[in-house]
């Protein structure tokens, strides 16, 4: 989330900054995992996984959609579009660990 002197409703929440440069996130939706679409071994100790998901609006997100359904962010939140992202894993002596989750917007 980028701190800005103005406020901007992003895909996931409401980001704002006050005169004291404090920022906050108010979640409007959560991602719902749908399925793993691919796994590849990058090296002996590294792997990548691709997956699909959808945004599911929470109660506040639903109210914002109802308040202004034509707003571009409201359309994104109310969309049933399937989105895609990926993650990187590293193998340690006790198993695999998530080391990077790509942007989910």
C-alpha atoms as a PDB file:
ATOM      1  CA  UNK A   1       0.000   0.000   0.000  1.00  0.00           C
ATOM      2  CA  UNK A   2       1.448   3.372  -0.994  1.00  0.00           C
ATOM      3  CA  UNK A   3       1.026   6.231   1.441  1.00  0.00           C
ATOM      4  CA  UNK A   4      -0.512   9.220  -0.300  1.00  0.00           C
ATOM      5  CA  UNK A   5      -1.680  12.633   0.896  1.00  0.00           C
ATOM      6  CA  UNK A   6      -5.064  11.902  -0.646  1.00  0.00           C
ATOM      7  CA  UNK A   7      -7.266   8.849  -0.274  1.00  0.00           C
ATOM      8  CA  UNK A   8      -7.772   6.106  -2.808  1.00  0.00           C
ATOM      9  CA  UNK A   9     -10.071   3.107  -2.768  1.00  0.00           C
ATOM     10  CA  UNK A  10      -7.998   0.224  -4.052  1.00  0.00           C
ATOM     11  CA  UNK A  11      -9.097  -3.278  -5.015  1.00  0.00           C
ATOM     12  CA  UNK A  12      -8.624  -4.713  -1.562  1.00  0.00           C
ATOM     13  CA  UNK A  13      -9.321  -1.904   0.855  1.00  0.00           C
ATOM     14  CA  UNK A  14      -9.400   1.778   1.591  1.00  0.00           C
ATOM     15  CA  UNK A  15      -5.996   3.405   1.965  1.00  0.00           C
ATOM     16  CA  UNK A  16      -5.685   6.798   3.496  1.00  0.00           C
ATOM     17  CA  UNK A  17      -3.051   9.061   4.973  1.00  0.00           C
ATOM     18  CA  UNK A  18      -3.573  11.813   7.503  1.00  0.00           C
ATOM     19  CA  UNK A  19      -1.485  14.943   7.998  1.00  0.00           C
ATOM     20  CA  UNK A  20       0.618  12.802  10.341  1.00  0.00           C
ATOM     21  CA  UNK A  21       1.483  10.407   7.472  1.00  0.00           C
ATOM     22  CA  UNK A  22      -0.285   7.512   9.131  1.00  0.00           C
ATOM     23  CA  UNK A  23      -1.900   5.008   6.795  1.00  0.00           C
ATOM     24  CA  UNK A  24      -4.526   2.371   7.365  1.00  0.00           C
ATOM     25  CA  UNK A  25      -6.089  -0.490   5.466  1.00  0.00           C
ATOM     26  CA  UNK A  26      -9.763  -1.308   5.731  1.00  0.00           C
ATOM     27  CA  UNK A  27     -10.423  -4.678   4.071  1.00  0.00           C
ATOM     28  CA  UNK A  28     -13.330  -4.728   1.644  1.00  0.00           C
ATOM     29  CA  UNK A  29     -12.871  -8.254   0.314  1.00  0.00           C
ATOM     30  CA  UNK A  30     -10.905 -11.433   0.870  1.00  0.00           C
ATOM     31  CA  UNK A  31      -9.410 -13.699  -1.774  1.00  0.00           C
ATOM     32  CA  UNK A  32     -10.995 -17.146  -2.116  1.00  0.00           C
ATOM     33  CA  UNK A  33      -8.646 -19.831  -3.393  1.00  0.00           C
ATOM     34  CA  UNK A  34     -10.140 -21.796  -6.290  1.00  0.00           C
ATOM     35  CA  UNK A  35      -7.491 -24.234  -7.503  1.00  0.00           C
ATOM     36  CA  UNK A  36      -3.831 -24.834  -8.227  1.00  0.00           C
ATOM     37  CA  UNK A  37      -3.310 -24.433 -11.962  1.00  0.00           C
ATOM     38  CA  UNK A  38       0.356 -25.399 -12.201  1.00  0.00           C
ATOM     39  CA  UNK A  39       3.421 -26.453 -10.244  1.00  0.00           C
ATOM     40  CA  UNK A  40       6.975 -26.451 -11.516  1.00  0.00           C
ATOM     41  CA  UNK A  41      10.296 -27.263  -9.936  1.00  0.00           C
ATOM     42  CA  UNK A  42      12.669 -24.337 -10.548  1.00  0.00           C
ATOM     43  CA  UNK A  43      15.682 -26.101  -9.005  1.00  0.00           C
ATOM     44  CA  UNK A  44      16.408 -28.827  -6.459  1.00  0.00           C
ATOM     45  CA  UNK A  45      15.372 -26.544  -3.601  1.00  0.00           C
ATOM     46  CA  UNK A  46      12.896 -24.157  -5.248  1.00  0.00           C
ATOM     47  CA  UNK A  47       9.463 -24.473  -6.828  1.00  0.00           C
ATOM     48  CA  UNK A  48       6.695 -22.218  -8.139  1.00  0.00           C
ATOM     49  CA  UNK A  49       2.959 -22.717  -8.046  1.00  0.00           C
ATOM     50  CA  UNK A  50       0.285 -20.923 -10.052  1.00  0.00           C
ATOM     51  CA  UNK A  51      -3.260 -20.700  -8.741  1.00  0.00           C
ATOM     52  CA  UNK A  52      -6.623 -19.093  -9.401  1.00  0.00           C
ATOM     53  CA  UNK A  53      -8.802 -17.134  -6.975  1.00  0.00           C
ATOM     54  CA  UNK A  54     -11.753 -14.735  -6.747  1.00  0.00           C
ATOM     55  CA  UNK A  55     -12.355 -11.697  -4.564  1.00  0.00           C
ATOM     56  CA  UNK A  56     -15.250 -12.126  -2.116  1.00  0.00           C
ATOM     57  CA  UNK A  57     -16.578  -8.827  -0.705  1.00  0.00           C
ATOM     58  CA  UNK A  58     -17.128  -8.611   3.038  1.00  0.00           C
ATOM     59  CA  UNK A  59     -20.087  -6.716   4.573  1.00  0.00           C
ATOM     60  CA  UNK A  60     -18.460  -3.298   4.136  1.00  0.00           C
ATOM     61  CA  UNK A  61     -17.454  -4.149   0.577  1.00  0.00           C
ATOM     62  CA  UNK A  62     -21.043  -5.176  -0.204  1.00  0.00           C
ATOM     63  CA  UNK A  63     -22.365  -1.885   1.197  1.00  0.00           C
ATOM     64  CA  UNK A  64     -19.929   0.114  -0.899  1.00  0.00           C
ATOM     65  CA  UNK A  65     -21.002  -1.828  -3.994  1.00  0.00           C
ATOM     66  CA  UNK A  66     -24.662  -1.021  -3.211  1.00  0.00           C
ATOM     67  CA  UNK A  67     -23.863   2.654  -2.558  1.00  0.00           C
ATOM     68  CA  UNK A  68     -22.172   3.224  -5.931  1.00  0.00           C
ATOM     69  CA  UNK A  69     -22.417   0.173  -8.214  1.00  0.00           C
ATOM     70  CA  UNK A  70     -21.010   2.086 -11.207  1.00  0.00           C
ATOM     71  CA  UNK A  71     -17.739   3.003  -9.477  1.00  0.00           C
ATOM     72  CA  UNK A  72     -14.856   1.091 -11.133  1.00  0.00           C
ATOM     73  CA  UNK A  73     -13.711  -0.366  -7.793  1.00  0.00           C
ATOM     74  CA  UNK A  74     -17.246  -1.487  -6.972  1.00  0.00           C
ATOM     75  CA  UNK A  75     -17.383  -3.264 -10.319  1.00  0.00           C
ATOM     76  CA  UNK A  76     -14.099  -5.023  -9.518  1.00  0.00           C
ATOM     77  CA  UNK A  77     -15.325  -6.094  -6.069  1.00  0.00           C
ATOM     78  CA  UNK A  78     -18.640  -7.367  -7.407  1.00  0.00           C
ATOM     79  CA  UNK A  79     -17.047  -9.153 -10.356  1.00  0.00           C
ATOM     80  CA  UNK A  80     -17.004 -12.936 -10.400  1.00  0.00           C
ATOM     81  CA  UNK A  81     -13.881 -12.857 -12.590  1.00  0.00           C
ATOM     82  CA  UNK A  82     -11.375 -15.584 -11.920  1.00  0.00           C
ATOM     83  CA  UNK A  83      -7.955 -14.088 -11.226  1.00  0.00           C
ATOM     84  CA  UNK A  84      -4.528 -15.716 -11.320  1.00  0.00           C
ATOM     85  CA  UNK A  85      -1.362 -15.359  -9.278  1.00  0.00           C
ATOM     86  CA  UNK A  86       1.713 -17.351  -8.343  1.00  0.00           C
ATOM     87  CA  UNK A  87       3.879 -18.183  -5.360  1.00  0.00           C
ATOM     88  CA  UNK A  88       7.456 -19.305  -4.852  1.00  0.00           C
ATOM     89  CA  UNK A  89       8.538 -21.977  -2.380  1.00  0.00           C
ATOM     90  CA  UNK A  90      11.902 -23.038  -1.004  1.00  0.00           C
ATOM     91  CA  UNK A  91      12.744 -26.475   0.373  1.00  0.00           C
ATOM     92  CA  UNK A  92      14.341 -26.576   3.808  1.00  0.00           C
ATOM     93  CA  UNK A  93      15.441 -29.589   5.810  1.00  0.00           C
ATOM     94  CA  UNK A  94      12.027 -29.661   7.532  1.00  0.00           C
ATOM     95  CA  UNK A  95       9.901 -29.150   4.379  1.00  0.00           C
ATOM     96  CA  UNK A  96       8.714 -26.518   1.912  1.00  0.00           C
ATOM     97  CA  UNK A  97       8.127 -22.872   2.909  1.00  0.00           C
ATOM     98  CA  UNK A  98       6.419 -20.029   1.091  1.00  0.00           C
ATOM     99  CA  UNK A  99       9.008 -17.337   0.283  1.00  0.00           C
ATOM    100  CA  UNK A 100       7.090 -15.069  -2.119  1.00  0.00           C
ATOM    101  CA  UNK A 101       3.451 -14.457  -2.975  1.00  0.00           C
ATOM    102  CA  UNK A 102       2.931 -12.392  -6.108  1.00  0.00           C
ATOM    103  CA  UNK A 103       0.515  -9.477  -6.183  1.00  0.00           C
ATOM    104  CA  UNK A 104      -3.164 -10.385  -5.937  1.00  0.00           C
ATOM    105  CA  UNK A 105      -5.085  -7.498  -7.479  1.00  0.00           C
END
